[in-house]
PDB file of N, CA and C in Angstrom:
ATOM      1  N   MET A   1      -7.684  55.377  -4.974  1.00  0.00           N
ATOM      2  CA  MET A   1      -7.248  56.604  -5.871  1.00  0.00           C
ATOM      3  C   MET A   1      -6.562  56.507  -7.061  1.00  0.00           C
ATOM      4  N   SER A   2      -6.788  57.342  -7.912  1.00  0.00           N
ATOM      5  CA  SER A   2      -6.605  57.254  -9.222  1.00  0.00           C
ATOM      6  C   SER A   2      -4.734  57.473  -9.579  1.00  0.00           C
ATOM      7  N   ASP A   3      -4.607  57.441 -10.470  1.00  0.00           N
ATOM      8  CA  ASP A   3      -2.814  57.585 -10.679  1.00  0.00           C
ATOM      9  C   ASP A   3      -2.993  59.001 -10.447  1.00  0.00           C
ATOM     10  N   ASP A   4      -4.141  59.704 -11.553  1.00  0.00           N
ATOM     11  CA  ASP A   4      -3.520  61.268 -11.864  1.00  0.00           C
ATOM     12  C   ASP A   4      -3.984  62.034 -10.409  1.00  0.00           C
ATOM     13  N   ASN A   5      -4.789  61.577  -9.686  1.00  0.00           N
ATOM     14  CA  ASN A   5      -4.986  62.096  -8.430  1.00  0.00           C
ATOM     15  C   ASN A   5      -3.767  62.224  -7.474  1.00  0.00           C
ATOM     16  N   GLU A   6      -3.000  60.789  -7.572  1.00  0.00           N
ATOM     17  CA  GLU A   6      -2.064  60.577  -6.682  1.00  0.00           C
ATOM     18  C   GLU A   6      -0.595  61.550  -7.233  1.00  0.00           C
ATOM     19  N   LEU A   7      -0.611  61.572  -8.163  1.00  0.00           N
ATOM     20  CA  LEU A   7       0.401  62.337  -9.070  1.00  0.00           C
ATOM     21  C   LEU A   7       0.155  63.943  -8.570  1.00  0.00           C
ATOM     22  N   THR A   8      -1.259  64.304  -8.948  1.00  0.00           N
ATOM     23  CA  THR A   8      -1.256  65.711  -8.408  1.00  0.00           C
ATOM     24  C   THR A   8      -1.148  65.972  -7.022  1.00  0.00           C
ATOM     25  N   ARG A   9      -1.639  65.200  -6.178  1.00  0.00           N
ATOM     26  CA  ARG A   9      -1.095  65.324  -4.672  1.00  0.00           C
ATOM     27  C   ARG A   9       0.352  65.183  -3.992  1.00  0.00           C
ATOM     28  N   LEU A  10       1.060  64.260  -5.048  1.00  0.00           N
ATOM     29  CA  LEU A  10       2.499  63.979  -5.037  1.00  0.00           C
ATOM     30  C   LEU A  10       3.322  65.473  -5.616  1.00  0.00           C
ATOM     31  N   GLN A  11       2.650  66.236  -6.383  1.00  0.00           N
ATOM     32  CA  GLN A  11       3.323  67.415  -6.863  1.00  0.00           C
ATOM     33  C   GLN A  11       2.990  68.432  -6.047  1.00  0.00           C
ATOM     34  N   GLU A  12       1.635  68.499  -5.443  1.00  0.00           N
ATOM     35  CA  GLU A  12       1.662  69.576  -4.424  1.00  0.00           C
ATOM     36  C   GLU A  12       2.292  69.352  -3.104  1.00  0.00           C
ATOM     37  N   GLN A  13       2.625  68.629  -2.561  1.00  0.00           N
ATOM     38  CA  GLN A  13       3.493  68.088  -1.682  1.00  0.00           C
ATOM     39  C   GLN A  13       4.860  68.424  -1.763  1.00  0.00           C
ATOM     40  N   LEU A  14       4.670  68.236  -2.778  1.00  0.00           N
ATOM     41  CA  LEU A  14       6.853  68.611  -3.394  1.00  0.00           C
ATOM     42  C   LEU A  14       6.668  70.023  -3.271  1.00  0.00           C
ATOM     43  N   VAL A  15       5.384  70.622  -3.934  1.00  0.00           N
ATOM     44  CA  VAL A  15       5.901  72.187  -4.044  1.00  0.00           C
ATOM     45  C   VAL A  15       5.870  72.919  -2.588  1.00  0.00           C
ATOM     46  N   LYS A  16       4.580  72.094  -1.753  1.00  0.00           N
ATOM     47  CA  LYS A  16       4.828  72.910  -0.550  1.00  0.00           C
ATOM     48  C   LYS A  16       6.538  72.682   0.303  1.00  0.00           C
ATOM     49  N   THR A  17       6.691  71.712   0.092  1.00  0.00           N
ATOM     50  CA  THR A  17       8.159  71.211   0.912  1.00  0.00           C
ATOM     51  C   THR A  17       8.911  71.830   0.769  1.00  0.00           C
ATOM     52  N   LYS A  18       9.170  72.372  -0.812  1.00  0.00           N
ATOM     53  CA  LYS A  18      10.154  73.018  -1.571  1.00  0.00           C
ATOM     54  C   LYS A  18       9.893  74.260  -0.882  1.00  0.00           C
ATOM     55  N   ALA A  19       8.993  75.154  -1.006  1.00  0.00           N
ATOM     56  CA  ALA A  19       8.521  76.400  -0.187  1.00  0.00           C
ATOM     57  C   ALA A  19       8.969  76.490   0.952  1.00  0.00           C
ATOM     58  N   LEU A  20       8.549  75.362   1.815  1.00  0.00           N
ATOM     59  CA  LEU A  20       9.002  75.381   3.128  1.00  0.00           C
ATOM     60  C   LEU A  20      10.611  75.477   3.476  1.00  0.00           C
ATOM     61  N   TYR A  21      11.165  74.861   2.924  1.00  0.00           N
ATOM     62  CA  TYR A  21      12.524  74.650   2.774  1.00  0.00           C
ATOM     63  C   TYR A  21      13.240  76.006   2.294  1.00  0.00           C
ATOM     64  N   ASP A  22      12.885  76.820   1.160  1.00  0.00           N
ATOM     65  CA  ASP A  22      13.611  77.922   0.735  1.00  0.00           C
ATOM     66  C   ASP A  22      13.252  78.879   1.776  1.00  0.00           C
ATOM     67  N   ASN A  23      12.060  78.784   2.626  1.00  0.00           N
ATOM     68  CA  ASN A  23      11.991  79.847   3.592  1.00  0.00           C
ATOM     69  C   ASN A  23      12.745  79.512   4.900  1.00  0.00           C
ATOM     70  N   ALA A  24      13.270  78.352   5.282  1.00  0.00           N
ATOM     71  CA  ALA A  24      14.294  77.868   6.069  1.00  0.00           C
ATOM     72  C   ALA A  24      15.498  77.931   5.666  1.00  0.00           C
ATOM     73  N   LYS A  25      15.840  78.231   4.109  1.00  0.00           N
ATOM     74  CA  LYS A  25      17.206  78.983   3.939  1.00  0.00           C
ATOM     75  C   LYS A  25      17.304  80.379   4.076  1.00  0.00           C
ATOM     76  N   VAL A  26      16.292  81.098   4.095  1.00  0.00           N
ATOM     77  CA  VAL A  26      16.093  82.589   4.080  1.00  0.00           C
ATOM     78  C   VAL A  26      16.418  82.619   5.658  1.00  0.00           C
ATOM     79  N   ALA A  27      15.317  82.212   6.785  1.00  0.00           N
ATOM     80  CA  ALA A  27      15.938  82.286   8.089  1.00  0.00           C
ATOM     81  C   ALA A  27      17.011  81.965   8.442  1.00  0.00           C
ATOM     82  N   HIS A  28      17.790  80.958   7.867  1.00  0.00           N
ATOM     83  CA  HIS A  28      18.912  80.658   8.122  1.00  0.00           C
ATOM     84  C   HIS A  28      19.736  81.798   7.641  1.00  0.00           C
ATOM     85  N   HIS A  29      19.978  82.030   6.778  1.00  0.00           N
ATOM     86  CA  HIS A  29      20.938  83.398   6.226  1.00  0.00           C
ATOM     87  C   HIS A  29      20.405  84.133   7.436  1.00  0.00           C
ATOM     88  N   LEU A  30      19.407  85.004   7.384  1.00  0.00           N
ATOM     89  CA  LEU A  30      19.142  86.121   8.422  1.00  0.00           C
ATOM     90  C   LEU A  30      19.916  85.785   9.509  1.00  0.00           C
ATOM     91  N   ALA A  31      19.787  84.340  10.074  1.00  0.00           N
ATOM     92  CA  ALA A  31      20.430  84.238  11.598  1.00  0.00           C
ATOM     93  C   ALA A  31      21.733  84.334  11.302  1.00  0.00           C
ATOM     94  N   LEU A  32      22.431  83.722  10.017  1.00  0.00           N
ATOM     95  CA  LEU A  32      23.979  84.322  10.249  1.00  0.00           C
ATOM     96  C   LEU A  32      24.286  85.437  10.233  1.00  0.00           C
ATOM     97  N   GLN A  33      23.648  86.066   9.381  1.00  0.00           N
ATOM     98  CA  GLN A  33      23.857  87.862   9.590  1.00  0.00           C
ATOM     99  C   GLN A  33      23.637  88.303  11.222  1.00  0.00           C
ATOM    100  N   ARG A  34      22.723  88.106  11.728  1.00  0.00           N
ATOM    101  CA  ARG A  34      22.779  88.324  13.139  1.00  0.00           C
ATOM    102  C   ARG A  34      23.799  87.784  13.970  1.00  0.00           C
ATOM    103  N   MET A  35      24.254  86.781  13.900  1.00  0.00           N
ATOM    104  CA  MET A  35      25.465  86.093  14.639  1.00  0.00           C
ATOM    105  C   MET A  35      26.419  87.207  14.325  1.00  0.00           C
ATOM    106  N   TYR A  36      26.747  87.610  12.966  1.00  0.00           N
ATOM    107  CA  TYR A  36      28.253  88.067  12.609  1.00  0.00           C
ATOM    108  C   TYR A  36      27.963  89.358  13.122  1.00  0.00           C
ATOM    109  N   ASP A  37      26.509  90.092  13.076  1.00  0.00           N
ATOM    110  CA  ASP A  37      26.176  91.159  13.833  1.00  0.00           C
ATOM    111  C   ASP A  37      26.634  91.315  15.286  1.00  0.00           C
ATOM    112  N   LEU A  38      26.000  90.527  15.896  1.00  0.00           N
ATOM    113  CA  LEU A  38      25.958  90.563  17.539  1.00  0.00           C
ATOM    114  C   LEU A  38      27.684  89.932  17.910  1.00  0.00           C
ATOM    115  N   GLY A  39      28.338  89.113  17.004  1.00  0.00           N
ATOM    116  CA  GLY A  39      29.615  88.702  17.437  1.00  0.00           C
ATOM    117  C   GLY A  39      29.318  86.978  17.560  1.00  0.00           C
ATOM    118  N   MET A  40      30.343  86.640  16.770  1.00  0.00           N
ATOM    119  CA  MET A  40      30.374  85.080  17.231  1.00  0.00           C
ATOM    120  C   MET A  40      30.189  84.240  18.379  1.00  0.00           C
ATOM    121  N   THR A  41      30.635  84.627  19.404  1.00  0.00           N
ATOM    122  CA  THR A  41      29.977  84.369  20.218  1.00  0.00           C
ATOM    123  C   THR A  41      29.137  84.961  21.368  1.00  0.00           C
ATOM    124  N   HIS A  42      28.061  85.002  20.635  1.00  0.00           N
ATOM    125  CA  HIS A  42      26.882  85.244  21.315  1.00  0.00           C
ATOM    126  C   HIS A  42      25.637  84.624  21.394  1.00  0.00           C
ATOM    127  N   PRO A  43      25.342  84.069  22.638  1.00  0.00           N
ATOM    128  CA  PRO A  43      24.903  82.892  22.925  1.00  0.00           C
ATOM    129  C   PRO A  43      23.379  82.955  22.856  1.00  0.00           C
ATOM    130  N   ASP A  44      22.887  83.586  21.323  1.00  0.00           N
ATOM    131  CA  ASP A  44      21.033  83.593  21.397  1.00  0.00           C
ATOM    132  C   ASP A  44      20.366  82.570  21.065  1.00  0.00           C
ATOM    133  N   GLY A  45      20.957  81.736  20.345  1.00  0.00           N
ATOM    134  CA  GLY A  45      20.315  80.389  20.105  1.00  0.00           C
ATOM    135  C   GLY A  45      19.716  80.160  18.574  1.00  0.00           C
ATOM    136  N   SER A  46      19.704  81.495  17.970  1.00  0.00           N
ATOM    137  CA  SER A  46      19.053  81.680  16.864  1.00  0.00           C
ATOM    138  C   SER A  46      19.704  80.996  15.457  1.00  0.00           C
ATOM    139  N   ILE A  47      20.976  80.666  15.777  1.00  0.00           N
ATOM    140  CA  ILE A  47      21.580  79.856  14.699  1.00  0.00           C
ATOM    141  C   ILE A  47      21.116  78.128  14.951  1.00  0.00           C
ATOM    142  N   LEU A  48      21.300  77.639  16.397  1.00  0.00           N
ATOM    143  CA  LEU A  48      21.010  76.454  16.249  1.00  0.00           C
ATOM    144  C   LEU A  48      19.607  75.892  16.025  1.00  0.00           C
ATOM    145  N   HIS A  49      18.768  76.759  15.957  1.00  0.00           N
ATOM    146  CA  HIS A  49      17.432  76.606  15.734  1.00  0.00           C
ATOM    147  C   HIS A  49      16.884  76.818  14.306  1.00  0.00           C
ATOM    148  N   ALA A  50      17.903  77.760  13.791  1.00  0.00           N
ATOM    149  CA  ALA A  50      17.695  78.048  12.299  1.00  0.00           C
ATOM    150  C   ALA A  50      18.208  76.746  11.606  1.00  0.00           C
ATOM    151  N   VAL A  51      19.523  76.088  12.144  1.00  0.00           N
ATOM    152  CA  VAL A  51      19.994  75.198  11.523  1.00  0.00           C
ATOM    153  C   VAL A  51      19.218  74.120  11.342  1.00  0.00           C
ATOM    154  N   SER A  52      18.309  73.796  12.318  1.00  0.00           N
ATOM    155  CA  SER A  52      17.438  72.575  12.826  1.00  0.00           C
ATOM    156  C   SER A  52      16.083  72.644  11.765  1.00  0.00           C
ATOM    157  N   ILE A  53      15.599  73.908  12.006  1.00  0.00           N
ATOM    158  CA  ILE A  53      14.539  73.808  11.046  1.00  0.00           C
ATOM    159  C   ILE A  53      15.062  73.912   9.688  1.00  0.00           C
ATOM    160  N   LEU A  54      16.163  74.196   8.811  1.00  0.00           N
ATOM    161  CA  LEU A  54      16.550  74.100   7.909  1.00  0.00           C
ATOM    162  C   LEU A  54      17.152  72.291   7.735  1.00  0.00           C
ATOM    163  N   SER A  55      17.475  71.923   8.397  1.00  0.00           N
ATOM    164  CA  SER A  55      17.503  70.448   8.388  1.00  0.00           C
ATOM    165  C   SER A  55      16.673  69.871   8.038  1.00  0.00           C
ATOM    166  N   HIS A  56      15.567  69.945   8.978  1.00  0.00           N
ATOM    167  CA  HIS A  56      14.275  69.165   9.147  1.00  0.00           C
ATOM    168  C   HIS A  56      13.720  69.557   7.649  1.00  0.00           C
ATOM    169  N   THR A  57      13.602  70.573   7.289  1.00  0.00           N
ATOM    170  CA  THR A  57      12.923  71.226   5.910  1.00  0.00           C
ATOM    171  C   THR A  57      13.193  70.241   4.793  1.00  0.00           C
ATOM    172  N   LEU A  58      14.611  70.292   4.570  1.00  0.00           N
ATOM    173  CA  LEU A  58      15.403  69.369   3.746  1.00  0.00           C
ATOM    174  C   LEU A  58      15.455  67.986   3.659  1.00  0.00           C
ATOM    175  N   ASN A  59      15.214  67.572   5.091  1.00  0.00           N
ATOM    176  CA  ASN A  59      14.527  66.020   5.011  1.00  0.00           C
ATOM    177  C   ASN A  59      13.597  66.047   4.432  1.00  0.00           C
ATOM    178  N   ASN A  60      12.273  66.685   4.884  1.00  0.00           N
ATOM    179  CA  ASN A  60      10.979  66.782   4.191  1.00  0.00           C
ATOM    180  C   ASN A  60      10.964  66.796   2.683  1.00  0.00           C
ATOM    181  N   TYR A  61      11.690  67.759   2.340  1.00  0.00           N
ATOM    182  CA  TYR A  61      11.785  67.929   0.659  1.00  0.00           C
ATOM    183  C   TYR A  61      12.618  67.089   0.117  1.00  0.00           C
ATOM    184  N   MET A  62      13.411  66.554   0.388  1.00  0.00           N
ATOM    185  CA  MET A  62      13.962  65.166   0.048  1.00  0.00           C
ATOM    186  C   MET A  62      13.056  64.214  -0.170  1.00  0.00           C
ATOM    187  N   THR A  63      12.690  64.188   1.168  1.00  0.00           N
ATOM    188  CA  THR A  63      11.539  62.378   1.182  1.00  0.00           C
ATOM    189  C   THR A  63      10.439  62.772   0.049  1.00  0.00           C
ATOM    190  N   ALA A  64       9.729  64.173  -0.055  1.00  0.00           N
ATOM    191  CA  ALA A  64       8.887  64.220  -1.092  1.00  0.00           C
ATOM    192  C   ALA A  64       9.311  64.263  -2.489  1.00  0.00           C
ATOM    193  N   LEU A  65      10.444  64.437  -2.611  1.00  0.00           N
ATOM    194  CA  LEU A  65      11.162  64.390  -4.087  1.00  0.00           C
ATOM    195  C   LEU A  65      11.244  62.838  -4.164  1.00  0.00           C
ATOM    196  N   LEU A  66      12.016  62.164  -3.813  1.00  0.00           N
ATOM    197  CA  LEU A  66      12.075  60.472  -3.627  1.00  0.00           C
ATOM    198  C   LEU A  66      10.715  60.071  -4.118  1.00  0.00           C
ATOM    199  N   THR A  67       9.844  60.505  -2.914  1.00  0.00           N
ATOM    200  CA  THR A  67       8.553  59.932  -3.162  1.00  0.00           C
ATOM    201  C   THR A  67       7.579  59.811  -4.683  1.00  0.00           C
ATOM    202  N   TYR A  68       7.746  61.340  -5.201  1.00  0.00           N
ATOM    203  CA  TYR A  68       7.589  61.744  -6.315  1.00  0.00           C
ATOM    204  C   TYR A  68       8.130  61.000  -7.863  1.00  0.00           C
ATOM    205  N   ASN A  69       9.384  60.896  -7.325  1.00  0.00           N
ATOM    206  CA  ASN A  69      10.213  60.112  -8.732  1.00  0.00           C
ATOM    207  C   ASN A  69      10.369  58.987  -8.543  1.00  0.00           C
ATOM    208  N   ARG A  70       9.795  58.193  -7.411  1.00  0.00           N
ATOM    209  CA  ARG A  70       9.780  56.981  -7.517  1.00  0.00           C
ATOM    210  C   ARG A  70       8.217  56.447  -8.179  1.00  0.00           C
ATOM    211  N   PHE A  71       7.500  57.280  -7.876  1.00  0.00           N
ATOM    212  CA  PHE A  71       5.638  57.242  -8.309  1.00  0.00           C
ATOM    213  C   PHE A  71       5.886  57.093  -9.912  1.00  0.00           C
ATOM    214  N   VAL A  72       6.707  58.305 -10.017  1.00  0.00           N
ATOM    215  CA  VAL A  72       6.703  58.782 -11.716  1.00  0.00           C
ATOM    216  C   VAL A  72       7.513  57.446 -12.470  1.00  0.00           C
ATOM    217  N   LEU A  73       8.670  56.955 -11.894  1.00  0.00           N
ATOM    218  CA  LEU A  73       9.304  55.876 -12.137  1.00  0.00           C
ATOM    219  C   LEU A  73       8.586  54.596 -12.540  1.00  0.00           C
ATOM    220  N   ASP A  74       7.918  54.161 -11.144  1.00  0.00           N
ATOM    221  CA  ASP A  74       7.055  53.122 -11.454  1.00  0.00           C
ATOM    222  C   ASP A  74       5.785  53.283 -12.575  1.00  0.00           C
ATOM    223  N   GLN A  75       5.541  54.194 -12.799  1.00  0.00           N
ATOM    224  CA  GLN A  75       4.316  54.593 -13.725  1.00  0.00           C
ATOM    225  C   GLN A  75       4.900  54.042 -15.017  1.00  0.00           C
ATOM    226  N   SER A  76       5.925  54.717 -15.432  1.00  0.00           N
ATOM    227  CA  SER A  76       6.739  54.685 -16.415  1.00  0.00           C
ATOM    228  C   SER A  76       7.025  52.947 -16.911  1.00  0.00           C
ATOM    229  N   GLN A  77       7.467  52.522 -15.589  1.00  0.00           N
ATOM    230  CA  GLN A  77       7.919  50.922 -15.772  1.00  0.00           C
ATOM    231  C   GLN A  77       6.717  50.227 -15.869  1.00  0.00           C
ATOM    232  N   LEU A  78       5.598  50.523 -15.686  1.00  0.00           N
ATOM    233  CA  LEU A  78       4.287  49.844 -15.231  1.00  0.00           C
ATOM    234  C   LEU A  78       3.880  49.417 -17.200  1.00  0.00           C
ATOM    235  N   SER A  79       4.143  50.393 -17.762  1.00  0.00           N
ATOM    236  CA  SER A  79       3.741  50.600 -19.495  1.00  0.00           C
ATOM    237  C   SER A  79       4.533  49.343 -19.749  1.00  0.00           C
ATOM    238  N   LEU A  80       6.286  49.160 -19.248  1.00  0.00           N
ATOM    239  CA  LEU A  80       6.809  48.023 -19.865  1.00  0.00           C
ATOM    240  C   LEU A  80       6.505  46.645 -18.996  1.00  0.00           C
ATOM    241  N   ASN A  81       6.324  46.667 -17.905  1.00  0.00           N
ATOM    242  CA  ASN A  81       6.000  45.309 -16.975  1.00  0.00           C
ATOM    243  C   ASN A  81       4.831  45.618 -16.081  1.00  0.00           C
ATOM    244  N   PRO A  82       3.461  45.072 -16.388  1.00  0.00           N
ATOM    245  CA  PRO A  82       2.611  45.617 -15.674  1.00  0.00           C
ATOM    246  C   PRO A  82       2.507  44.949 -14.317  1.00  0.00           C
ATOM    247  N   PHE A  83       3.591  44.147 -13.831  1.00  0.00           N
ATOM    248  CA  PHE A  83       3.613  43.572 -12.619  1.00  0.00           C
ATOM    249  C   PHE A  83       4.644  44.299 -11.872  1.00  0.00           C
ATOM    250  N   SER A  84       5.462  45.005 -12.471  1.00  0.00           N
ATOM    251  CA  SER A  84       6.499  45.291 -11.730  1.00  0.00           C
ATOM    252  C   SER A  84       6.442  46.588 -10.495  1.00  0.00           C
ATOM    253  N   GLY A  85       5.096  47.326 -10.676  1.00  0.00           N
ATOM    254  CA  GLY A  85       4.890  48.145  -9.648  1.00  0.00           C
ATOM    255  C   GLY A  85       4.154  47.555  -8.989  1.00  0.00           C
ATOM    256  N   ALA A  86       3.290  46.561  -8.821  1.00  0.00           N
ATOM    257  CA  ALA A  86       2.524  45.636  -7.794  1.00  0.00           C
ATOM    258  C   ALA A  86       3.400  44.964  -6.993  1.00  0.00           C
ATOM    259  N   GLU A  87       4.733  44.244  -7.586  1.00  0.00           N
ATOM    260  CA  GLU A  87       5.704  43.388  -6.763  1.00  0.00           C
ATOM    261  C   GLU A  87       6.294  44.444  -6.009  1.00  0.00           C
ATOM    262  N   LYS A  88       7.072  45.469  -6.522  1.00  0.00           N
ATOM    263  CA  LYS A  88       7.841  46.614  -5.829  1.00  0.00           C
ATOM    264  C   LYS A  88       7.186  46.832  -4.635  1.00  0.00           C
ATOM    265  N   ALA A  89       5.704  47.267  -4.761  1.00  0.00           N
ATOM    266  CA  ALA A  89       4.580  47.806  -3.416  1.00  0.00           C
ATOM    267  C   ALA A  89       4.758  46.524  -2.507  1.00  0.00           C
ATOM    268  N   ARG A  90       4.670  44.957  -2.902  1.00  0.00           N
ATOM    269  CA  ARG A  90       4.287  44.499  -2.363  1.00  0.00           C
ATOM    270  C   ARG A  90       5.562  44.041  -1.084  1.00  0.00           C
ATOM    271  N   ALA A  91       6.793  44.170  -2.060  1.00  0.00           N
ATOM    272  CA  ALA A  91       8.397  44.184  -1.591  1.00  0.00           C
ATOM    273  C   ALA A  91       8.649  45.082  -0.229  1.00  0.00           C
ATOM    274  N   ALA A  92       7.901  46.629  -0.680  1.00  0.00           N
ATOM    275  CA  ALA A  92       7.698  47.569   0.574  1.00  0.00           C
ATOM    276  C   ALA A  92       6.994  47.200   1.623  1.00  0.00           C
ATOM    277  N   LEU A  93       5.923  46.604   1.319  1.00  0.00           N
ATOM    278  CA  LEU A  93       5.020  46.157   2.254  1.00  0.00           C
ATOM    279  C   LEU A  93       5.582  45.249   3.321  1.00  0.00           C
ATOM    280  N   ALA A  94       6.374  44.181   2.572  1.00  0.00           N
ATOM    281  CA  ALA A  94       6.832  43.380   3.340  1.00  0.00           C
ATOM    282  C   ALA A  94       7.897  43.956   4.189  1.00  0.00           C
ATOM    283  N   ASP A  95       8.897  44.818   3.656  1.00  0.00           N
ATOM    284  CA  ASP A  95      10.064  45.356   4.562  1.00  0.00           C
ATOM    285  C   ASP A  95       9.427  45.967   5.747  1.00  0.00           C
ATOM    286  N   HIS A  96       8.214  46.796   5.755  1.00  0.00           N
ATOM    287  CA  HIS A  96       7.947  47.575   7.034  1.00  0.00           C
ATOM    288  C   HIS A  96       6.806  46.768   7.799  1.00  0.00           C
ATOM    289  N   TYR A  97       5.933  45.957   7.152  1.00  0.00           N
ATOM    290  CA  TYR A  97       5.052  44.899   7.988  1.00  0.00           C
ATOM    291  C   TYR A  97       4.730  43.828   7.570  1.00  0.00           C
ATOM    292  N   PRO A  98       6.032  42.583   7.854  1.00  0.00           N
ATOM    293  CA  PRO A  98       6.114  41.643   7.887  1.00  0.00           C
ATOM    294  C   PRO A  98       5.034  40.655   8.358  1.00  0.00           C
ATOM    295  N   ARG A  99       4.913  41.140   9.713  1.00  0.00           N
ATOM    296  CA  ARG A  99       3.859  40.247  10.427  1.00  0.00           C
ATOM    297  C   ARG A  99       2.246  40.570   9.603  1.00  0.00           C
ATOM    298  N   GLU A 100       1.766  41.909   9.411  1.00  0.00           N
ATOM    299  CA  GLU A 100       0.598  42.432   9.090  1.00  0.00           C
ATOM    300  C   GLU A 100       0.659  41.512   7.644  1.00  0.00           C
ATOM    301  N   LEU A 101       1.394  41.724   6.671  1.00  0.00           N
ATOM    302  CA  LEU A 101       1.299  41.269   5.466  1.00  0.00           C
ATOM    303  C   LEU A 101       1.311  39.780   5.412  1.00  0.00           C
ATOM    304  N   ALA A 102       2.091  39.150   6.000  1.00  0.00           N
ATOM    305  CA  ALA A 102       1.837  37.805   6.627  1.00  0.00           C
ATOM    306  C   ALA A 102       0.610  37.132   7.107  1.00  0.00           C
ATOM    307  N   ALA A 103      -0.167  37.866   7.886  1.00  0.00           N
ATOM    308  CA  ALA A 103      -1.477  37.207   8.296  1.00  0.00           C
ATOM    309  C   ALA A 103      -2.432  37.988   7.293  1.00  0.00           C
ATOM    310  N   ARG A 104      -2.421  38.893   6.479  1.00  0.00           N
ATOM    311  CA  ARG A 104      -3.316  39.148   5.389  1.00  0.00           C
ATOM    312  C   ARG A 104      -3.156  38.123   4.410  1.00  0.00           C
ATOM    313  N   ASP A 105      -2.107  37.274   4.154  1.00  0.00           N
ATOM    314  CA  ASP A 105      -1.871  36.300   2.816  1.00  0.00           C
ATOM    315  C   ASP A 105      -2.562  35.211   3.521  1.00  0.00           C
ATOM    316  N   ALA A 106      -2.345  34.674   4.847  1.00  0.00           N
ATOM    317  CA  ALA A 106      -2.901  33.278   5.572  1.00  0.00           C
ATOM    318  C   ALA A 106      -4.495  33.541   5.412  1.00  0.00           C
ATOM    319  N   GLN A 107      -5.229  34.854   5.698  1.00  0.00           N
ATOM    320  CA  GLN A 107      -6.559  35.013   5.432  1.00  0.00           C
ATOM    321  C   GLN A 107      -6.832  34.759   4.389  1.00  0.00           C
ATOM    322  N   GLU A 108      -6.163  35.337   3.252  1.00  0.00           N
ATOM    323  CA  GLU A 108      -6.444  35.184   1.702  1.00  0.00           C
ATOM    324  C   GLU A 108      -6.392  33.385   1.469  1.00  0.00           C
ATOM    325  N   SER A 109      -5.832  32.923   1.767  1.00  0.00           N
ATOM    326  CA  SER A 109      -5.709  31.441   1.626  1.00  0.00           C
ATOM    327  C   SER A 109      -6.674  30.280   1.947  1.00  0.00           C
TER     328      SER A 109
END
């Protein structure tokens, strides 16, 4: 996948996750209003559900934002050092898949 396609995909993912997060914020606000209207002790469960969805969508949005930022920063660093992006990618793979990477290295040797 070319860098332009990857950047476009990451931008689209960022926009989608931000929209989901914004919708969850609105739903959370509405649940809070409903709770205040019904009384603080009313056990309808909407607040718990709204908070869990808000938390989940915020986590997804933060992940998308971090991924996008890492991609953009790696691309800017590639212009300064052509090996930095590849080295970072290899280090990330080694952290997550040490056995698979070792097996691939053994096959290449």
